[in-house]
Amino acid sequence: MADPKPDSRALAVPSGRLNRLARFGALTSNIAGNMALHGARQVAQGKRPKASDLLLTPANARKVADQLAHMRGAAMKVGQLISMDAGDMLPPELADIMARLRADAHYMPGGQLKKVLNDAWGEGWLKRFDKFQVRPIAAASIGQVHRAHTKDGRDLAIKVQYPGVRRSIDSDVNNVAALMRFSGVMPKELDIAPMLDEAKRQLHEEADYEREGRYMRRFGELLADAPDFVVPKLQEDLTTRDVLAMDFVEGAAIESLTDAPQEERDRVMALLIGLLFRELFEFRLMQTDPNFANYRYQPETGRVILLDFGASRDFSPEMADQFRALMRAGLSGDRDAVRRAILDIGFFAEDTAAHHQDTMLNMFEMSMEPLRQPGAFDFAQNDLAMRMRDAGMELGADRDFWHIPPMDTLFMQRKFGGIYLLASRLKARVDLRAIIEPYL
């Protein structure tokens, strides 16, 4: 979750399905009107504008970001994912506007918060607390976090879900998809129904705080032998489907490490990368949300705090074995074995055009460069991310190639990408091969 920014404010969450639908309709009409007006001006100047150029203007992007930030819930969550995955493909001014979705979450006014807690805990719940901070310490797309002290002496962080989030997930996802269709950024021939179904399923899981609590407890047990990590303890007596209570753990934003000594940045990123491979190959359970806010840092102890387990996913032993085979083939430079492993996983199919297969094989070989390199890989002094982005954009721009791999691999890719971005942000140097070899 992101700490509330100065321009975040108390703003009631639209909780009715018809209310949210009306907001999407008004947004679409507004954007269409802007496109018509802007297009007429360009035609008058003798130009022939493209629909995508008329849609992807800073004014329209600002309207979309502002409306999704107001609505919160699944609408904002999908917008966040789009901004993270497509941010590098948008012009800088548009990427900056969409990035606001990851930073500027508004929060519920006191009256709305009280109603949610009354529904979850019953009236009179405040008698259980010595102190309950009404202003949240963090706010995001699905809920906001409050600090509280109970009568029995517990210092807690309490995550409260926005009202109506669960009821609006399916319609919000459909409406955001319709907006993307309207924009023309996706080809009409691409069947995104499986992706939409999976997005809805994941969001329903993330909106179940009792489920998240169970995963938080599992990660705490799995990492009991890892003193460098802290997982908050679940407080079951105050946890419901809409409220998640846990120990409050003091920590700073993980990005604060940018000013830390090089050795400490390297150590922390080695911990997180090691955890990523442990999740895949040992636990077969991964927290797949790459948001930097899910990690905090304790300067006094050097420990990393792990937060937000709503996007946790279990992986099958077969999937772990498939990725182990892929990594082995990649490290050995066996291109034929890499192709077989990629086919087994489903990144492309047997009937995928040969030149598309070659492009994906080349991209995978690029991604293996940090693992093949002996010694520490310098995340700051390389152009790998730019080369991968350019290759991905080239492949994505080819309308003849639209293959959706298994959903589990998409979530895993997002987590790998998020860890890479964090390592780049911290300018870390990590011996990746030494970390992964024990698992192969």
Protein backbone atom coordinates (compact mmCIF):
# COMPACT_ATOMS: atom_id res chain seq x y z
CA MET A 1 0.00 0.00 0.00
CA ALA A 2 1.10 3.55 -0.67
CA ASP A 3 1.36 6.10 2.11
CA PRO A 4 -1.34 8.78 1.62
CA LYS A 5 0.06 11.68 -0.38
CA PRO A 6 -0.64 15.33 0.45
CA ASP A 7 -3.26 15.57 -2.32
CA SER A 8 -5.06 12.41 -1.15
CA ARG A 9 -8.30 13.30 0.57
CA ALA A 10 -11.37 11.80 2.20
CA LEU A 11 -13.65 10.84 -0.67
CA ALA A 12 -16.61 8.49 -0.41
CA VAL A 13 -16.29 5.30 -2.44
CA PRO A 14 -19.14 4.86 -4.97
CA SER A 15 -20.47 1.49 -3.82
CA GLY A 16 -23.61 0.91 -5.89
CA ARG A 17 -23.27 -1.07 -9.12
CA LEU A 18 -25.49 1.36 -11.07
CA ASN A 19 -23.60 4.33 -9.66
CA ARG A 20 -20.28 2.87 -10.80
CA LEU A 21 -21.71 1.94 -14.21
CA ALA A 22 -22.96 5.48 -14.67
CA ARG A 23 -19.49 6.84 -13.91
CA PHE A 24 -17.96 4.62 -16.58
CA GLY A 25 -20.63 5.74 -19.06
CA ALA A 26 -20.00 9.39 -18.30
CA LEU A 27 -16.24 8.86 -18.62
CA THR A 28 -16.58 7.16 -22.02
CA SER A 29 -18.93 9.89 -23.30
CA ASN A 30 -16.58 12.59 -22.08
CA ILE A 31 -13.59 11.02 -23.78
CA ALA A 32 -15.56 10.47 -27.01
CA GLY A 33 -16.54 14.15 -26.96
CA ASN A 34 -12.93 15.20 -26.49
CA MET A 35 -11.87 12.96 -29.37
CA ALA A 36 -14.50 14.45 -31.68
CA LEU A 37 -13.54 18.01 -30.79
CA HIS A 38 -9.81 17.40 -31.10
CA GLY A 39 -10.30 15.46 -34.34
CA ALA A 40 -12.41 18.23 -35.88
CA ARG A 41 -9.66 20.73 -35.12
CA GLN A 42 -7.04 18.57 -36.81
CA VAL A 43 -9.25 17.98 -39.86
CA ALA A 44 -9.75 21.74 -40.12
CA GLN A 45 -5.97 22.07 -40.22
CA GLY A 46 -5.79 19.61 -43.12
CA LYS A 47 -4.58 16.66 -41.04
CA ARG A 48 -5.87 13.08 -40.95
CA PRO A 49 -5.65 12.06 -37.28
CA LYS A 50 -5.59 8.43 -36.10
CA ALA A 51 -8.15 7.36 -33.52
CA SER A 52 -5.43 6.15 -31.14
CA ASP A 53 -3.73 9.56 -31.26
CA LEU A 54 -7.00 11.27 -30.43
CA LEU A 55 -7.67 8.96 -27.49
CA LEU A 56 -4.24 8.82 -25.87
CA THR A 57 -3.97 12.50 -25.01
CA PRO A 58 -2.83 13.81 -21.60
CA ALA A 59 -6.28 15.31 -20.99
CA ASN A 60 -8.03 11.98 -21.57
CA ALA A 61 -5.46 10.03 -19.56
CA ARG A 62 -5.94 12.47 -16.69
CA LYS A 63 -9.71 11.96 -16.80
CA VAL A 64 -9.30 8.17 -16.73
CA ALA A 65 -6.78 8.26 -13.88
CA ASP A 66 -8.86 10.69 -11.80
CA GLN A 67 -12.08 8.70 -12.25
CA LEU A 68 -10.44 5.34 -11.44
CA ALA A 69 -8.77 6.87 -8.39
CA HIS A 70 -12.19 8.12 -7.23
CA MET A 71 -13.89 4.77 -7.81
CA ARG A 72 -11.12 2.62 -6.28
CA GLY A 73 -11.92 -1.09 -6.07
CA ALA A 74 -11.32 -3.37 -9.05
CA ALA A 75 -11.49 -0.44 -11.50
CA MET A 76 -8.48 1.21 -9.89
CA LYS A 77 -6.67 -2.12 -9.44
CA VAL A 78 -6.93 -2.94 -13.14
CA GLY A 79 -5.80 0.59 -13.97
CA GLN A 80 -2.77 0.11 -11.73
CA LEU A 81 -1.84 -3.12 -13.48
CA ILE A 82 -2.19 -1.47 -16.89
CA SER A 83 -0.01 1.45 -15.81
CA MET A 84 2.66 -0.92 -14.47
CA ASP A 85 2.67 -3.25 -17.48
CA ALA A 86 2.25 -0.64 -20.22
CA GLY A 87 3.89 2.38 -18.63
CA ASP A 88 7.07 2.09 -20.72
CA MET A 89 5.01 1.90 -23.91
CA LEU A 90 3.17 5.18 -23.30
CA PRO A 91 4.55 8.65 -24.02
CA PRO A 92 6.23 10.05 -20.84
CA GLU A 93 3.49 12.59 -20.13
CA LEU A 94 0.81 9.87 -20.29
CA ALA A 95 2.87 7.42 -18.23
CA ASP A 96 3.30 10.07 -15.52
CA ILE A 97 -0.45 10.64 -15.34
CA MET A 98 -1.31 6.94 -15.17
CA ALA A 99 1.40 6.46 -12.53
CA ARG A 100 -0.76 8.59 -10.24
CA LEU A 101 -2.95 5.51 -9.81
CA ARG A 102 -0.10 3.84 -7.96
CA ALA A 103 0.48 6.79 -5.64
CA ASP A 104 -2.63 8.85 -4.95
CA ALA A 105 -5.27 6.65 -3.36
CA HIS A 106 -8.02 8.63 -1.66
CA TYR A 107 -9.50 7.32 1.56
CA MET A 108 -12.96 6.86 3.02
CA PRO A 109 -14.51 9.65 5.08
CA GLY A 110 -15.14 8.84 8.74
CA GLY A 111 -18.85 8.13 8.35
CA GLN A 112 -18.31 5.55 5.63
CA LEU A 113 -15.46 3.94 7.59
CA LYS A 114 -17.65 3.66 10.69
CA LYS A 115 -20.41 1.91 8.72
CA VAL A 116 -17.98 -0.66 7.28
CA LEU A 117 -16.61 -1.44 10.76
CA ASN A 118 -20.09 -1.57 12.27
CA ASP A 119 -21.04 -4.16 9.66
CA ALA A 120 -17.87 -6.18 10.31
CA TRP A 121 -17.58 -5.96 14.11
CA GLY A 122 -20.99 -4.80 15.29
CA GLU A 123 -21.83 -1.48 16.93
CA GLY A 124 -19.84 -0.67 20.03
CA TRP A 125 -16.58 -2.02 18.54
CA LEU A 126 -14.71 1.13 19.58
CA LYS A 127 -14.92 0.00 23.22
CA ARG A 128 -12.31 -2.65 22.40
CA PHE A 129 -9.70 0.02 21.61
CA ASP A 130 -7.74 2.57 23.58
CA LYS A 131 -6.99 4.36 20.32
CA PHE A 132 -8.11 3.98 16.71
CA GLN A 133 -6.63 6.41 14.16
CA VAL A 134 -9.40 7.54 11.80
CA ARG A 135 -6.92 8.94 9.26
CA PRO A 136 -5.38 5.89 7.53
CA ILE A 137 -1.63 5.34 7.50
CA ALA A 138 -1.91 3.87 4.01
CA ALA A 139 -4.52 3.66 1.25
CA ALA A 140 -4.70 1.64 -1.96
CA SER A 141 -7.15 0.32 -4.53
CA ILE A 142 -9.12 -2.21 -2.47
CA GLY A 143 -8.69 -1.01 1.11
CA GLN A 144 -6.99 1.32 3.55
CA VAL A 145 -4.91 0.67 6.69
CA HIS A 146 -5.40 2.16 10.15
CA ARG A 147 -3.23 1.96 13.22
CA ALA A 148 -4.96 1.02 16.46
CA HIS A 149 -4.19 0.07 20.08
CA THR A 150 -6.48 -2.44 21.77
CA LYS A 151 -7.53 -2.43 25.41
CA ASP A 152 -5.45 -5.59 25.96
CA GLY A 153 -2.26 -3.85 24.80
CA ARG A 154 -1.85 -4.88 21.16
CA ASP A 155 -0.41 -2.41 18.62
CA LEU A 156 -2.17 -3.29 15.36
CA ALA A 157 -2.42 -2.44 11.68
CA ILE A 158 -6.02 -2.91 10.52
CA LYS A 159 -6.84 -3.10 6.81
CA VAL A 160 -10.43 -2.11 6.01
CA GLN A 161 -11.96 -2.91 2.63
CA TYR A 162 -13.86 -0.23 0.74
CA PRO A 163 -17.62 -0.86 0.63
CA GLY A 164 -19.04 -2.51 -2.45
CA VAL A 165 -15.66 -3.69 -3.77
CA ARG A 166 -16.60 -7.36 -3.95
CA ARG A 167 -19.98 -6.73 -5.58
CA SER A 168 -18.49 -4.49 -8.27
CA ILE A 169 -15.48 -6.61 -9.31
CA ASP A 170 -17.03 -8.34 -12.33
CA SER A 171 -18.70 -5.23 -13.73
CA ASP A 172 -15.62 -3.07 -13.09
CA VAL A 173 -13.33 -5.48 -14.96
CA ASN A 174 -15.80 -5.68 -17.86
CA ASN A 175 -16.07 -1.90 -18.01
CA VAL A 176 -12.32 -1.31 -17.97
CA ALA A 177 -11.96 -3.95 -20.73
CA ALA A 178 -14.65 -2.16 -22.76
CA LEU A 179 -12.76 1.10 -22.31
CA MET A 180 -9.59 -0.59 -23.60
CA ARG A 181 -11.51 -1.98 -26.58
CA PHE A 182 -12.87 1.49 -27.25
CA SER A 183 -9.32 2.85 -27.22
CA GLY A 184 -8.18 0.48 -29.96
CA VAL A 185 -5.09 -0.57 -28.00
CA MET A 186 -6.15 -4.22 -28.32
CA PRO A 187 -6.98 -5.97 -31.59
CA LYS A 188 -10.58 -7.06 -32.02
CA GLU A 189 -9.48 -10.59 -32.91
CA LEU A 190 -7.74 -11.15 -29.56
CA ASP A 191 -9.84 -13.29 -27.23
CA ILE A 192 -9.21 -11.74 -23.82
CA ALA A 193 -12.05 -13.61 -22.10
CA PRO A 194 -9.63 -15.99 -20.28
CA MET A 195 -7.62 -13.03 -19.00
CA LEU A 196 -10.75 -11.23 -17.83
CA ASP A 197 -12.02 -14.34 -16.07
CA GLU A 198 -8.68 -14.76 -14.33
CA ALA A 199 -8.53 -11.08 -13.37
CA LYS A 200 -11.97 -11.39 -11.79
CA ARG A 201 -11.00 -14.56 -9.96
CA GLN A 202 -7.84 -13.02 -8.57
CA LEU A 203 -9.60 -9.83 -7.50
CA HIS A 204 -12.31 -11.83 -5.73
CA GLU A 205 -9.54 -13.68 -3.90
CA GLU A 206 -7.76 -10.43 -2.98
CA ALA A 207 -11.04 -9.03 -1.65
CA ASP A 208 -11.36 -11.95 0.77
CA TYR A 209 -9.33 -10.81 3.77
CA GLU A 210 -9.85 -14.07 5.65
CA ARG A 211 -8.09 -15.83 2.74
CA GLU A 212 -5.29 -13.27 2.81
CA GLY A 213 -4.92 -13.83 6.55
CA ARG A 214 -4.45 -17.56 5.99
CA TYR A 215 -1.68 -16.90 3.45
CA MET A 216 -0.02 -14.38 5.75
CA ARG A 217 0.07 -17.05 8.45
CA ARG A 218 1.47 -19.62 5.96
CA PHE A 219 4.27 -17.30 4.89
CA GLY A 220 5.07 -16.59 8.53
CA GLU A 221 5.42 -20.32 9.15
CA LEU A 222 7.45 -20.94 5.98
CA LEU A 223 9.87 -18.12 6.86
CA ALA A 224 10.21 -19.00 10.53
CA ASP A 225 13.80 -20.08 9.71
CA ALA A 226 14.61 -16.78 7.94
CA PRO A 227 15.47 -14.12 10.57
CA ASP A 228 16.10 -11.48 7.87
CA PHE A 229 12.36 -11.34 7.08
CA VAL A 230 9.42 -10.16 9.15
CA VAL A 231 5.84 -11.27 8.46
CA PRO A 232 3.22 -9.55 10.64
CA LYS A 233 1.28 -11.86 12.95
CA LEU A 234 -2.40 -12.35 12.07
CA GLN A 235 -4.94 -11.28 14.71
CA GLU A 236 -7.77 -13.70 14.03
CA ASP A 237 -10.24 -12.32 16.58
CA LEU A 238 -10.52 -9.03 14.65
CA THR A 239 -10.25 -10.45 11.12
CA THR A 240 -13.31 -10.85 8.90
CA ARG A 241 -13.88 -11.05 5.18
CA ASP A 242 -13.75 -7.22 5.01
CA VAL A 243 -11.26 -6.44 7.80
CA LEU A 244 -7.73 -7.81 8.22
CA ALA A 245 -6.00 -7.26 11.57
CA MET A 246 -2.29 -7.87 12.12
CA ASP A 247 0.58 -6.72 14.31
CA PHE A 248 1.85 -3.25 13.45
CA VAL A 249 5.50 -3.52 12.37
CA GLU A 250 7.50 -0.31 12.10
CA GLY A 251 9.47 0.12 8.89
CA ALA A 252 10.49 2.52 6.12
CA ALA A 253 9.66 2.35 2.42
CA ILE A 254 11.96 -0.09 0.64
CA GLU A 255 12.92 2.70 -1.79
CA SER A 256 14.52 4.55 1.12
CA LEU A 257 17.45 2.18 0.62
CA THR A 258 18.53 4.19 -2.44
CA ASP A 259 20.62 6.27 -0.01
CA ALA A 260 22.01 3.25 1.87
CA PRO A 261 25.57 1.94 1.42
CA GLN A 262 26.10 -0.26 -1.62
CA GLU A 263 26.70 -3.33 0.53
CA GLU A 264 23.34 -2.98 2.25
CA ARG A 265 21.44 -2.49 -1.03
CA ASP A 266 23.16 -5.57 -2.42
CA ARG A 267 22.33 -7.63 0.68
CA VAL A 268 18.63 -6.69 0.70
CA MET A 269 18.16 -7.40 -2.99
CA ALA A 270 19.98 -10.73 -2.63
CA LEU A 271 17.48 -11.58 0.13
CA LEU A 272 14.48 -10.70 -2.02
CA ILE A 273 15.78 -12.51 -5.11
CA GLY A 274 16.60 -15.53 -2.99
CA LEU A 275 13.06 -15.44 -1.57
CA LEU A 276 11.64 -15.29 -5.11
CA PHE A 277 13.42 -18.51 -6.13
CA ARG A 278 12.55 -20.12 -2.81
CA GLU A 279 8.87 -19.30 -3.39
CA LEU A 280 8.98 -20.89 -6.86
CA PHE A 281 11.09 -23.98 -6.26
CA GLU A 282 10.74 -24.76 -2.55
CA PHE A 283 7.45 -23.31 -1.26
CA ARG A 284 5.64 -23.55 -4.63
CA LEU A 285 3.72 -20.58 -3.24
CA MET A 286 4.34 -17.04 -4.41
CA GLN A 287 3.11 -13.61 -3.44
CA THR A 288 2.70 -12.35 -7.02
CA ASP A 289 1.97 -8.64 -6.52
CA PRO A 290 5.13 -6.70 -7.53
CA ASN A 291 4.15 -3.41 -5.84
CA PHE A 292 7.19 -1.93 -4.06
CA ALA A 293 4.89 -0.93 -1.18
CA ASN A 294 4.61 -4.63 -0.25
CA TYR A 295 8.16 -4.43 1.12
CA ARG A 296 9.34 -2.32 4.05
CA TYR A 297 12.78 -2.00 5.61
CA GLN A 298 13.94 -1.74 9.23
CA PRO A 299 17.15 0.34 9.30
CA GLU A 300 17.88 -0.57 12.93
CA THR A 301 17.75 -4.36 12.32
CA GLY A 302 18.34 -4.64 8.56
CA ARG A 303 15.27 -6.87 8.25
CA VAL A 304 12.79 -6.78 5.37
CA ILE A 305 9.08 -6.62 6.22
CA LEU A 306 6.72 -8.53 3.89
CA LEU A 307 3.18 -7.20 3.47
CA ASP A 308 0.00 -7.86 1.48
CA PHE A 309 -0.57 -11.54 0.71
CA GLY A 310 -3.87 -11.19 -1.15
CA ALA A 311 -2.28 -12.07 -4.50
CA SER A 312 -0.63 -15.26 -3.23
CA ARG A 313 -0.84 -18.23 -5.58
CA ASP A 314 0.01 -21.91 -5.14
CA PHE A 315 1.97 -23.56 -7.97
CA SER A 316 1.93 -27.23 -8.91
CA PRO A 317 5.09 -29.39 -8.59
CA GLU A 318 4.91 -29.85 -12.38
CA MET A 319 5.13 -26.11 -12.97
CA ALA A 320 8.15 -25.79 -10.67
CA ASP A 321 9.82 -28.66 -12.54
CA GLN A 322 9.08 -27.02 -15.90
CA PHE A 323 10.72 -23.77 -14.83
CA ARG A 324 13.65 -25.68 -13.35
CA ALA A 325 14.17 -27.36 -16.75
CA LEU A 326 13.88 -23.98 -18.48
CA MET A 327 16.49 -22.40 -16.20
CA ARG A 328 18.87 -25.34 -16.64
CA ALA A 329 18.56 -25.15 -20.42
CA GLY A 330 19.05 -21.40 -20.37
CA LEU A 331 22.18 -21.57 -18.23
CA SER A 332 23.67 -24.29 -20.45
CA GLY A 333 22.90 -22.33 -23.63
CA ASP A 334 20.97 -25.27 -25.15
CA ARG A 335 18.54 -23.46 -27.47
CA ASP A 336 16.69 -26.64 -28.45
CA ALA A 337 16.13 -27.55 -24.80
CA VAL A 338 14.95 -23.98 -24.11
CA ARG A 339 12.42 -24.27 -26.92
CA ARG A 340 11.10 -27.57 -25.58
CA ALA A 341 10.79 -26.12 -22.08
CA ILE A 342 8.98 -23.03 -23.37
CA LEU A 343 6.56 -25.26 -25.28
CA ASP A 344 5.92 -27.34 -22.15
CA ILE A 345 5.17 -24.20 -20.13
CA GLY A 346 3.01 -22.71 -22.88
CA PHE A 347 4.75 -19.42 -23.68
CA PHE A 348 4.15 -20.31 -27.33
CA ALA A 349 2.55 -23.22 -29.18
CA GLU A 350 3.76 -25.67 -31.83
CA ASP A 351 1.88 -23.75 -34.53
CA THR A 352 3.37 -20.38 -33.53
CA ALA A 353 5.19 -18.91 -36.53
CA ALA A 354 8.91 -19.73 -36.61
CA HIS A 355 10.00 -16.08 -36.58
CA HIS A 356 7.82 -15.41 -33.54
CA GLN A 357 9.33 -18.42 -31.77
CA ASP A 358 12.81 -17.11 -32.59
CA THR A 359 11.93 -13.68 -31.20
CA MET A 360 10.74 -15.20 -27.93
CA LEU A 361 13.78 -17.47 -27.72
CA ASN A 362 16.02 -14.45 -28.24
CA MET A 363 14.16 -12.56 -25.50
CA PHE A 364 14.60 -15.47 -23.10
CA GLU A 365 18.31 -15.66 -23.87
CA MET A 366 18.54 -11.95 -23.09
CA SER A 367 16.76 -12.50 -19.79
CA MET A 368 19.35 -15.16 -18.86
CA GLU A 369 22.31 -12.81 -19.28
CA PRO A 370 22.36 -11.79 -15.57
CA LEU A 371 22.28 -15.47 -14.52
CA ARG A 372 25.00 -16.57 -16.92
CA GLN A 373 27.35 -13.80 -15.86
CA PRO A 374 29.99 -14.94 -13.35
CA GLY A 375 30.03 -12.89 -10.18
CA ALA A 376 27.76 -9.98 -9.34
CA PHE A 377 25.39 -8.55 -11.94
CA ASP A 378 25.16 -4.75 -11.82
CA PHE A 379 21.51 -3.82 -12.24
CA ALA A 380 22.39 -0.15 -12.74
CA GLN A 381 25.13 -0.46 -15.35
CA ASN A 382 23.39 -2.36 -18.15
CA ASP A 383 20.83 -1.83 -20.89
CA LEU A 384 19.07 -5.20 -20.54
CA ALA A 385 15.75 -3.73 -19.42
CA MET A 386 15.65 -1.39 -22.42
CA ARG A 387 16.53 -4.17 -24.85
CA MET A 388 13.87 -6.45 -23.37
CA ARG A 389 11.32 -3.65 -23.53
CA ASP A 390 12.12 -2.89 -27.18
CA ALA A 391 11.86 -6.57 -28.13
CA GLY A 392 8.59 -6.93 -26.25
CA MET A 393 7.12 -3.83 -27.88
CA GLU A 394 8.15 -5.09 -31.31
CA LEU A 395 6.51 -8.46 -30.65
CA GLY A 396 3.40 -6.82 -29.18
CA ALA A 397 3.04 -4.51 -32.18
CA ASP A 398 2.85 -7.52 -34.52
CA ARG A 399 -0.88 -8.19 -34.76
CA ASP A 400 -0.15 -11.65 -36.18
CA PHE A 401 1.15 -12.77 -32.79
CA TRP A 402 -1.39 -12.81 -29.98
CA HIS A 403 -0.80 -15.77 -27.71
CA ILE A 404 -1.91 -15.77 -24.09
CA PRO A 405 0.25 -18.12 -21.98
CA PRO A 406 -1.09 -19.89 -18.86
CA MET A 407 -2.27 -17.39 -16.26
CA ASP A 408 0.10 -18.61 -13.54
CA THR A 409 3.07 -17.74 -15.76
CA LEU A 410 1.74 -14.21 -16.33
CA PHE A 411 1.56 -13.55 -12.60
CA MET A 412 5.02 -15.04 -12.12
CA GLN A 413 6.44 -12.89 -14.93
CA ARG A 414 4.95 -9.79 -13.28
CA LYS A 415 6.66 -10.68 -9.98
CA PHE A 416 10.01 -11.32 -11.68
CA GLY A 417 9.68 -8.02 -13.52
CA GLY A 418 8.83 -6.16 -10.32
CA ILE A 419 11.87 -7.56 -8.49
CA TYR A 420 14.09 -6.60 -11.44
CA LEU A 421 12.73 -3.04 -11.39
CA LEU A 422 13.33 -2.77 -7.64
CA ALA A 423 16.92 -4.02 -8.03
CA SER A 424 17.43 -1.45 -10.77
CA ARG A 425 15.93 1.30 -8.60
CA LEU A 426 18.33 0.39 -5.77
CA LYS A 427 21.27 0.02 -8.20
CA ALA A 428 22.09 -3.31 -6.62
CA ARG A 429 24.86 -5.74 -7.52
CA VAL A 430 23.92 -9.38 -6.96
CA ASP A 431 25.49 -12.73 -7.81
CA LEU A 432 22.34 -14.25 -9.30
CA ARG A 433 23.89 -17.50 -10.43
CA ALA A 434 25.09 -18.32 -6.92
CA ILE A 435 21.52 -17.77 -5.65
CA ILE A 436 19.75 -19.95 -8.20
CA GLU A 437 22.19 -22.86 -8.62
CA PRO A 438 21.17 -24.68 -5.41
CA TYR A 439 17.61 -24.97 -6.78
CA LEU A 440 18.68 -26.46 -10.14
